[in-house]
C-alpha atoms as a PDB file:
ATOM      1  CA  UNK A   1      65.748 -21.409 -31.656  1.00  0.00           C
ATOM      2  CA  UNK A   2      64.536 -22.450 -35.110  1.00  0.00           C
ATOM      3  CA  UNK A   3      60.788 -23.087 -35.003  1.00  0.00           C
ATOM      4  CA  UNK A   4      58.764 -24.614 -37.831  1.00  0.00           C
ATOM      5  CA  UNK A   5      55.045 -23.825 -37.749  1.00  0.00           C
ATOM      6  CA  UNK A   6      52.403 -25.790 -39.603  1.00  0.00           C
ATOM      7  CA  UNK A   7      48.721 -26.728 -39.309  1.00  0.00           C
ATOM      8  CA  UNK A   8      45.791 -28.178 -41.244  1.00  0.00           C
ATOM      9  CA  UNK A   9      43.729 -24.966 -41.473  1.00  0.00           C
ATOM     10  CA  UNK A  10      45.978 -23.287 -44.043  1.00  0.00           C
ATOM     11  CA  UNK A  11      48.974 -20.971 -44.190  1.00  0.00           C
ATOM     12  CA  UNK A  12      46.853 -17.861 -43.526  1.00  0.00           C
ATOM     13  CA  UNK A  13      45.197 -19.205 -40.362  1.00  0.00           C
ATOM     14  CA  UNK A  14      44.858 -16.714 -37.503  1.00  0.00           C
ATOM     15  CA  UNK A  15      45.824 -19.361 -34.953  1.00  0.00           C
ATOM     16  CA  UNK A  16      49.083 -20.169 -36.710  1.00  0.00           C
ATOM     17  CA  UNK A  17      50.123 -16.525 -37.024  1.00  0.00           C
ATOM     18  CA  UNK A  18      49.171 -15.754 -33.417  1.00  0.00           C
ATOM     19  CA  UNK A  19      52.022 -18.082 -32.426  1.00  0.00           C
ATOM     20  CA  UNK A  20      54.391 -16.928 -35.158  1.00  0.00           C
ATOM     21  CA  UNK A  21      53.919 -13.223 -34.382  1.00  0.00           C
ATOM     22  CA  UNK A  22      54.474 -13.760 -30.661  1.00  0.00           C
ATOM     23  CA  UNK A  23      57.654 -15.800 -31.143  1.00  0.00           C
ATOM     24  CA  UNK A  24      59.239 -14.111 -34.170  1.00  0.00           C
ATOM     25  CA  UNK A  25      61.311 -11.558 -32.246  1.00  0.00           C
ATOM     26  CA  UNK A  26      63.111 -14.167 -30.136  1.00  0.00           C
ATOM     27  CA  UNK A  27      63.249 -17.104 -32.552  1.00  0.00           C
ATOM     28  CA  UNK A  28      63.779 -17.874 -36.213  1.00  0.00           C
ATOM     29  CA  UNK A  29      60.310 -18.672 -37.554  1.00  0.00           C
ATOM     30  CA  UNK A  30      59.264 -20.446 -40.729  1.00  0.00           C
ATOM     31  CA  UNK A  31      55.701 -21.358 -41.692  1.00  0.00           C
ATOM     32  CA  UNK A  32      55.145 -24.314 -44.010  1.00  0.00           C
ATOM     33  CA  UNK A  33      51.424 -25.019 -44.144  1.00  0.00           C
ATOM     34  CA  UNK A  34      48.716 -26.150 -46.582  1.00  0.00           C
ATOM     35  CA  UNK A  35      47.511 -23.692 -49.204  1.00  0.00           C
ATOM     36  CA  UNK A  36      43.886 -24.546 -48.308  1.00  0.00           C
ATOM     37  CA  UNK A  37      41.818 -26.228 -45.620  1.00  0.00           C
ATOM     38  CA  UNK A  38      43.109 -29.766 -44.933  1.00  0.00           C
ATOM     39  CA  UNK A  39      41.238 -30.738 -41.766  1.00  0.00           C
ATOM     40  CA  UNK A  40      40.667 -34.469 -41.347  1.00  0.00           C
ATOM     41  CA  UNK A  41      43.606 -35.427 -43.573  1.00  0.00           C
ATOM     42  CA  UNK A  42      45.168 -37.334 -40.663  1.00  0.00           C
ATOM     43  CA  UNK A  43      48.581 -38.796 -41.604  1.00  0.00           C
ATOM     44  CA  UNK A  44      48.034 -38.868 -45.373  1.00  0.00           C
ATOM     45  CA  UNK A  45      50.989 -38.137 -47.660  1.00  0.00           C
ATOM     46  CA  UNK A  46      51.565 -37.582 -51.359  1.00  0.00           C
ATOM     47  CA  UNK A  47      53.390 -40.464 -53.043  1.00  0.00           C
ATOM     48  CA  UNK A  48      55.396 -40.375 -56.251  1.00  0.00           C
ATOM     49  CA  UNK A  49      54.876 -39.921 -59.146  1.00  0.00           C
ATOM     50  CA  UNK A  50      52.358 -37.358 -57.849  1.00  0.00           C
ATOM     51  CA  UNK A  51      53.542 -33.816 -57.127  1.00  0.00           C
ATOM     52  CA  UNK A  52      52.177 -30.813 -55.233  1.00  0.00           C
ATOM     53  CA  UNK A  53      52.680 -27.078 -55.438  1.00  0.00           C
ATOM     54  CA  UNK A  54      54.799 -24.898 -53.171  1.00  0.00           C
ATOM     55  CA  UNK A  55      54.905 -21.099 -53.263  1.00  0.00           C
ATOM     56  CA  UNK A  56      56.412 -18.522 -50.951  1.00  0.00           C
ATOM     57  CA  UNK A  57      53.993 -15.925 -49.579  1.00  0.00           C
ATOM     58  CA  UNK A  58      55.409 -12.537 -48.629  1.00  0.00           C
ATOM     59  CA  UNK A  59      54.395  -9.820 -46.205  1.00  0.00           C
ATOM     60  CA  UNK A  60      54.427 -11.640 -42.866  1.00  0.00           C
ATOM     61  CA  UNK A  61      57.845 -10.655 -41.521  1.00  0.00           C
ATOM     62  CA  UNK A  62      59.052 -14.272 -41.621  1.00  0.00           C
ATOM     63  CA  UNK A  63      59.184 -16.973 -44.274  1.00  0.00           C
ATOM     64  CA  UNK A  64      55.823 -18.471 -45.213  1.00  0.00           C
ATOM     65  CA  UNK A  65      55.314 -21.291 -47.717  1.00  0.00           C
ATOM     66  CA  UNK A  66      51.885 -22.380 -48.980  1.00  0.00           C
ATOM     67  CA  UNK A  67      52.014 -26.057 -49.891  1.00  0.00           C
ATOM     68  CA  UNK A  68      49.519 -27.975 -52.023  1.00  0.00           C
ATOM     69  CA  UNK A  69      49.939 -31.194 -50.043  1.00  0.00           C
ATOM     70  CA  UNK A  70      48.726 -32.519 -46.715  1.00  0.00           C
ATOM     71  CA  UNK A  71      49.865 -31.316 -43.264  1.00  0.00           C
ATOM     72  CA  UNK A  72      52.313 -34.223 -43.095  1.00  0.00           C
ATOM     73  CA  UNK A  73      53.578 -33.319 -46.581  1.00  0.00           C
ATOM     74  CA  UNK A  74      54.272 -29.865 -45.132  1.00  0.00           C
ATOM     75  CA  UNK A  75      56.441 -31.284 -42.350  1.00  0.00           C
ATOM     76  CA  UNK A  76      58.333 -33.634 -44.642  1.00  0.00           C
ATOM     77  CA  UNK A  77      58.958 -30.970 -47.296  1.00  0.00           C
ATOM     78  CA  UNK A  78      60.076 -28.476 -44.646  1.00  0.00           C
ATOM     79  CA  UNK A  79      62.550 -30.855 -43.026  1.00  0.00           C
ATOM     80  CA  UNK A  80      63.967 -32.014 -46.349  1.00  0.00           C
ATOM     81  CA  UNK A  81      63.956 -28.789 -48.417  1.00  0.00           C
ATOM     82  CA  UNK A  82      62.331 -25.624 -47.064  1.00  0.00           C
ATOM     83  CA  UNK A  83      63.461 -25.325 -43.426  1.00  0.00           C
ATOM     84  CA  UNK A  84      65.979 -27.989 -42.506  1.00  0.00           C
ATOM     85  CA  UNK A  85      66.933 -28.843 -38.928  1.00  0.00           C
ATOM     86  CA  UNK A  86      64.333 -26.963 -36.871  1.00  0.00           C
ATOM     87  CA  UNK A  87      64.683 -27.267 -33.105  1.00  0.00           C
ATOM     88  CA  UNK A  88      60.925 -27.448 -32.613  1.00  0.00           C
ATOM     89  CA  UNK A  89      57.777 -28.015 -34.669  1.00  0.00           C
ATOM     90  CA  UNK A  90      54.545 -26.349 -33.542  1.00  0.00           C
ATOM     91  CA  UNK A  91      51.345 -27.482 -35.255  1.00  0.00           C
ATOM     92  CA  UNK A  92      48.398 -25.125 -34.795  1.00  0.00           C
ATOM     93  CA  UNK A  93      46.763 -23.341 -33.135  1.00  0.00           C
ATOM     94  CA  UNK A  94      43.919 -25.302 -34.712  1.00  0.00           C
ATOM     95  CA  UNK A  95      40.515 -23.674 -35.153  1.00  0.00           C
ATOM     96  CA  UNK A  96      38.582 -26.321 -33.233  1.00  0.00           C
ATOM     97  CA  UNK A  97      39.396 -28.961 -30.644  1.00  0.00           C
ATOM     98  CA  UNK A  98      41.529 -32.055 -31.175  1.00  0.00           C
ATOM     99  CA  UNK A  99      40.363 -34.147 -28.238  1.00  0.00           C
ATOM    100  CA  UNK A 100      39.714 -37.857 -27.842  1.00  0.00           C
ATOM    101  CA  UNK A 101      38.878 -39.586 -31.104  1.00  0.00           C
ATOM    102  CA  UNK A 102      39.580 -36.357 -33.027  1.00  0.00           C
ATOM    103  CA  UNK A 103      43.243 -37.247 -32.594  1.00  0.00           C
ATOM    104  CA  UNK A 104      42.924 -40.134 -35.061  1.00  0.00           C
ATOM    105  CA  UNK A 105      41.727 -37.877 -37.869  1.00  0.00           C
ATOM    106  CA  UNK A 106      43.458 -34.585 -37.137  1.00  0.00           C
ATOM    107  CA  UNK A 107      45.955 -33.199 -39.613  1.00  0.00           C
ATOM    108  CA  UNK A 108      47.180 -30.863 -36.881  1.00  0.00           C
ATOM    109  CA  UNK A 109      48.049 -33.728 -34.536  1.00  0.00           C
ATOM    110  CA  UNK A 110      49.439 -35.863 -37.369  1.00  0.00           C
ATOM    111  CA  UNK A 111      51.852 -33.112 -38.396  1.00  0.00           C
ATOM    112  CA  UNK A 112      53.257 -33.089 -34.853  1.00  0.00           C
ATOM    113  CA  UNK A 113      53.332 -36.885 -34.852  1.00  0.00           C
ATOM    114  CA  UNK A 114      55.390 -36.952 -38.019  1.00  0.00           C
ATOM    115  CA  UNK A 115      57.774 -34.365 -36.637  1.00  0.00           C
ATOM    116  CA  UNK A 116      58.625 -36.443 -33.544  1.00  0.00           C
ATOM    117  CA  UNK A 117      58.795 -39.587 -35.677  1.00  0.00           C
ATOM    118  CA  UNK A 118      61.492 -37.775 -37.671  1.00  0.00           C
ATOM    119  CA  UNK A 119      63.380 -36.884 -34.508  1.00  0.00           C
ATOM    120  CA  UNK A 120      62.099 -33.366 -33.729  1.00  0.00           C
ATOM    121  CA  UNK A 121      60.416 -31.995 -30.636  1.00  0.00           C
ATOM    122  CA  UNK A 122      56.818 -31.004 -31.313  1.00  0.00           C
ATOM    123  CA  UNK A 123      53.665 -29.461 -29.880  1.00  0.00           C
ATOM    124  CA  UNK A 124      50.119 -29.742 -31.236  1.00  0.00           C
ATOM    125  CA  UNK A 125      47.865 -26.829 -30.248  1.00  0.00           C
ATOM    126  CA  UNK A 126      44.082 -26.546 -30.643  1.00  0.00           C
ATOM    127  CA  UNK A 127      41.325 -24.227 -29.435  1.00  0.00           C
ATOM    128  CA  UNK A 128      37.869 -25.621 -28.651  1.00  0.00           C
ATOM    129  CA  UNK A 129      36.000 -22.677 -30.095  1.00  0.00           C
ATOM    130  CA  UNK A 130      34.484 -22.480 -33.546  1.00  0.00           C
ATOM    131  CA  UNK A 131      34.771 -19.041 -35.128  1.00  0.00           C
ATOM    132  CA  UNK A 132      37.488 -17.944 -32.709  1.00  0.00           C
ATOM    133  CA  UNK A 133      38.885 -14.428 -33.056  1.00  0.00           C
ATOM    134  CA  UNK A 134      42.515 -13.411 -33.296  1.00  0.00           C
ATOM    135  CA  UNK A 135      42.328 -12.261 -29.679  1.00  0.00           C
ATOM    136  CA  UNK A 136      41.248 -15.778 -28.644  1.00  0.00           C
ATOM    137  CA  UNK A 137      44.257 -17.268 -30.399  1.00  0.00           C
ATOM    138  CA  UNK A 138      46.592 -14.614 -28.987  1.00  0.00           C
ATOM    139  CA  UNK A 139      45.630 -15.636 -25.450  1.00  0.00           C
ATOM    140  CA  UNK A 140      46.389 -19.277 -26.242  1.00  0.00           C
ATOM    141  CA  UNK A 141      49.723 -18.361 -27.795  1.00  0.00           C
ATOM    142  CA  UNK A 142      50.580 -16.339 -24.695  1.00  0.00           C
ATOM    143  CA  UNK A 143      50.068 -19.437 -22.529  1.00  0.00           C
ATOM    144  CA  UNK A 144      52.514 -21.342 -24.729  1.00  0.00           C
ATOM    145  CA  UNK A 145      55.098 -18.580 -24.505  1.00  0.00           C
ATOM    146  CA  UNK A 146      54.699 -18.109 -20.744  1.00  0.00           C
ATOM    147  CA  UNK A 147      55.117 -21.869 -20.213  1.00  0.00           C
ATOM    148  CA  UNK A 148      57.547 -22.474 -23.045  1.00  0.00           C
ATOM    149  CA  UNK A 149      60.414 -23.864 -20.975  1.00  0.00           C
ATOM    150  CA  UNK A 150      58.121 -26.228 -19.057  1.00  0.00           C
ATOM    151  CA  UNK A 151      56.486 -27.487 -22.255  1.00  0.00           C
ATOM    152  CA  UNK A 152      59.580 -28.096 -24.351  1.00  0.00           C
ATOM    153  CA  UNK A 153      61.837 -28.911 -21.425  1.00  0.00           C
ATOM    154  CA  UNK A 154      59.742 -31.808 -20.165  1.00  0.00           C
ATOM    155  CA  UNK A 155      61.703 -35.064 -20.133  1.00  0.00           C
ATOM    156  CA  UNK A 156      59.535 -36.997 -22.549  1.00  0.00           C
ATOM    157  CA  UNK A 157      60.319 -40.437 -23.964  1.00  0.00           C
ATOM    158  CA  UNK A 158      61.605 -40.609 -27.513  1.00  0.00           C
ATOM    159  CA  UNK A 159      58.908 -39.980 -30.125  1.00  0.00           C
ATOM    160  CA  UNK A 160      56.451 -38.482 -27.640  1.00  0.00           C
ATOM    161  CA  UNK A 161      54.913 -35.011 -27.976  1.00  0.00           C
ATOM    162  CA  UNK A 162      52.326 -32.866 -26.207  1.00  0.00           C
ATOM    163  CA  UNK A 163      48.794 -32.392 -27.499  1.00  0.00           C
ATOM    164  CA  UNK A 164      47.456 -29.191 -25.907  1.00  0.00           C
ATOM    165  CA  UNK A 165      43.823 -28.101 -26.090  1.00  0.00           C
ATOM    166  CA  UNK A 166      42.438 -24.758 -24.937  1.00  0.00           C
ATOM    167  CA  UNK A 167      38.823 -24.513 -23.726  1.00  0.00           C
ATOM    168  CA  UNK A 168      36.073 -22.268 -24.996  1.00  0.00           C
ATOM    169  CA  UNK A 169      36.238 -19.336 -22.598  1.00  0.00           C
ATOM    170  CA  UNK A 170      38.595 -18.277 -19.839  1.00  0.00           C
ATOM    171  CA  UNK A 171      40.527 -21.311 -18.562  1.00  0.00           C
ATOM    172  CA  UNK A 172      39.887 -22.366 -14.969  1.00  0.00           C
ATOM    173  CA  UNK A 173      43.123 -24.342 -14.707  1.00  0.00           C
ATOM    174  CA  UNK A 174      45.488 -26.790 -16.387  1.00  0.00           C
ATOM    175  CA  UNK A 175      45.133 -30.573 -16.390  1.00  0.00           C
ATOM    176  CA  UNK A 176      47.646 -33.157 -17.573  1.00  0.00           C
ATOM    177  CA  UNK A 177      45.388 -36.017 -18.619  1.00  0.00           C
ATOM    178  CA  UNK A 178      45.030 -39.025 -20.872  1.00  0.00           C
ATOM    179  CA  UNK A 179      43.228 -39.115 -24.208  1.00  0.00           C
ATOM    180  CA  UNK A 180      39.518 -39.910 -24.098  1.00  0.00           C
ATOM    181  CA  UNK A 181      38.663 -43.162 -25.914  1.00  0.00           C
ATOM    182  CA  UNK A 182      34.877 -42.834 -25.785  1.00  0.00           C
ATOM    183  CA  UNK A 183      33.171 -42.313 -29.127  1.00  0.00           C
ATOM    184  CA  UNK A 184      31.891 -38.741 -28.980  1.00  0.00           C
ATOM    185  CA  UNK A 185      31.884 -37.946 -32.690  1.00  0.00           C
ATOM    186  CA  UNK A 186      29.237 -40.101 -34.338  1.00  0.00           C
ATOM    187  CA  UNK A 187      30.346 -40.854 -37.897  1.00  0.00           C
ATOM    188  CA  UNK A 188      27.201 -41.080 -39.982  1.00  0.00           C
ATOM    189  CA  UNK A 189      26.865 -41.140 -43.754  1.00  0.00           C
ATOM    190  CA  UNK A 190      23.786 -40.954 -45.904  1.00  0.00           C
ATOM    191  CA  UNK A 191      22.927 -41.395 -49.559  1.00  0.00           C
ATOM    192  CA  UNK A 192      22.518 -38.358 -51.751  1.00  0.00           C
ATOM    193  CA  UNK A 193      21.539 -37.984 -55.378  1.00  0.00           C
ATOM    194  CA  UNK A 194      23.571 -39.256 -58.346  1.00  0.00           C
ATOM    195  CA  UNK A 195      25.305 -42.080 -56.487  1.00  0.00           C
ATOM    196  CA  UNK A 196      26.742 -39.715 -53.877  1.00  0.00           C
ATOM    197  CA  UNK A 197      27.398 -40.404 -50.198  1.00  0.00           C
ATOM    198  CA  UNK A 198      27.180 -37.513 -47.745  1.00  0.00           C
ATOM    199  CA  UNK A 199      29.069 -37.321 -44.408  1.00  0.00           C
ATOM    200  CA  UNK A 200      26.595 -36.395 -41.683  1.00  0.00           C
ATOM    201  CA  UNK A 201      28.498 -36.788 -38.419  1.00  0.00           C
ATOM    202  CA  UNK A 202      27.750 -34.911 -35.217  1.00  0.00           C
ATOM    203  CA  UNK A 203      28.844 -34.696 -31.580  1.00  0.00           C
ATOM    204  CA  UNK A 204      27.179 -36.710 -28.854  1.00  0.00           C
ATOM    205  CA  UNK A 205      28.947 -36.243 -25.553  1.00  0.00           C
ATOM    206  CA  UNK A 206      26.372 -38.100 -23.461  1.00  0.00           C
ATOM    207  CA  UNK A 207      27.981 -38.674 -20.082  1.00  0.00           C
ATOM    208  CA  UNK A 208      31.709 -38.105 -20.444  1.00  0.00           C
ATOM    209  CA  UNK A 209      33.861 -40.069 -18.034  1.00  0.00           C
ATOM    210  CA  UNK A 210      36.294 -37.979 -15.981  1.00  0.00           C
ATOM    211  CA  UNK A 211      40.090 -37.968 -15.989  1.00  0.00           C
ATOM    212  CA  UNK A 212      40.555 -37.439 -19.731  1.00  0.00           C
ATOM    213  CA  UNK A 213      41.205 -34.619 -22.176  1.00  0.00           C
ATOM    214  CA  UNK A 214      37.683 -34.230 -23.481  1.00  0.00           C
ATOM    215  CA  UNK A 215      36.025 -34.157 -20.073  1.00  0.00           C
ATOM    216  CA  UNK A 216      38.350 -31.543 -18.602  1.00  0.00           C
ATOM    217  CA  UNK A 217      38.584 -29.314 -21.678  1.00  0.00           C
ATOM    218  CA  UNK A 218      34.790 -29.182 -21.844  1.00  0.00           C
ATOM    219  CA  UNK A 219      34.866 -28.269 -18.136  1.00  0.00           C
ATOM    220  CA  UNK A 220      37.053 -25.251 -18.878  1.00  0.00           C
ATOM    221  CA  UNK A 221      40.589 -26.555 -18.400  1.00  0.00           C
ATOM    222  CA  UNK A 222      43.618 -26.336 -20.657  1.00  0.00           C
ATOM    223  CA  UNK A 223      44.469 -29.996 -21.213  1.00  0.00           C
ATOM    224  CA  UNK A 224      47.930 -31.394 -21.897  1.00  0.00           C
ATOM    225  CA  UNK A 225      48.156 -34.973 -23.157  1.00  0.00           C
ATOM    226  CA  UNK A 226      51.414 -36.741 -24.033  1.00  0.00           C
ATOM    227  CA  UNK A 227      50.989 -38.762 -27.215  1.00  0.00           C
ATOM    228  CA  UNK A 228      53.407 -41.227 -28.760  1.00  0.00           C
ATOM    229  CA  UNK A 229      54.158 -42.617 -32.196  1.00  0.00           C
ATOM    230  CA  UNK A 230      54.291 -46.149 -30.763  1.00  0.00           C
ATOM    231  CA  UNK A 231      50.835 -47.671 -31.176  1.00  0.00           C
ATOM    232  CA  UNK A 232      51.806 -51.040 -29.727  1.00  0.00           C
ATOM    233  CA  UNK A 233      49.504 -52.381 -27.009  1.00  0.00           C
ATOM    234  CA  UNK A 234      52.274 -53.585 -24.714  1.00  0.00           C
ATOM    235  CA  UNK A 235      49.982 -55.450 -22.297  1.00  0.00           C
ATOM    236  CA  UNK A 236      48.472 -57.386 -25.199  1.00  0.00           C
ATOM    237  CA  UNK A 237      51.955 -57.960 -26.598  1.00  0.00           C
ATOM    238  CA  UNK A 238      53.050 -59.794 -23.472  1.00  0.00           C
ATOM    239  CA  UNK A 239      49.902 -61.926 -23.443  1.00  0.00           C
ATOM    240  CA  UNK A 240      50.340 -62.865 -27.100  1.00  0.00           C
ATOM    241  CA  UNK A 241      53.940 -63.868 -26.504  1.00  0.00           C
ATOM    242  CA  UNK A 242      52.641 -66.636 -24.235  1.00  0.00           C
ATOM    243  CA  UNK A 243      50.479 -68.058 -27.002  1.00  0.00           C
ATOM    244  CA  UNK A 244      51.357 -71.125 -29.055  1.00  0.00           C
ATOM    245  CA  UNK A 245      51.243 -70.707 -32.795  1.00  0.00           C
ATOM    246  CA  UNK A 246      51.697 -73.353 -35.471  1.00  0.00           C
ATOM    247  CA  UNK A 247      52.909 -73.141 -39.057  1.00  0.00           C
END
């Protein structure tokens, strides 16, 4: 199988290479990832006439490209130039969780989103542990390998992929759950000197409701959430169709 790996932490991320090193003997691996930290870039892309750099990095035992664009730029450039026709795109393992509202901002999740939008199977992987070690990432990668057939063989609708989050510590189980829609990351900004604005957000979990990714991952579970490119609210769509509009 041809597997494209990417992320938003950078081409030299321990989490990314934990997956690549574990899969390289059985699969054809290619890494196309940002040349620097690109967390929070969401689904941003580089538009012409702008350009970005791309250089091959040697010494990994598989092809690695460091790209000057966003995580989504990495996917698009891989599929069009650097590593055409992969069977699977794996984004991550991210250094930090991508749960609930994080999904809207995550470059890791957006790279997987773009991959399925372009017709590829994809997984987004994240670890809810700041400052994780290579051993932490290796354990997460092992879960993916041990459950590989179940994860990529799931009969998902078109343009749907799996967002998988690993807890901080030894997992107590696996939960397939929906995305949390509570606001747990409080986006605050404050004024600085010289007409500057300073992001000053922080977490506030309060009382998390159950039956969602954030609740169960914080409780020690590996969470698996199917996400889709289609952002249509289908219940609202049907209600609006009954409305009367005038020109």
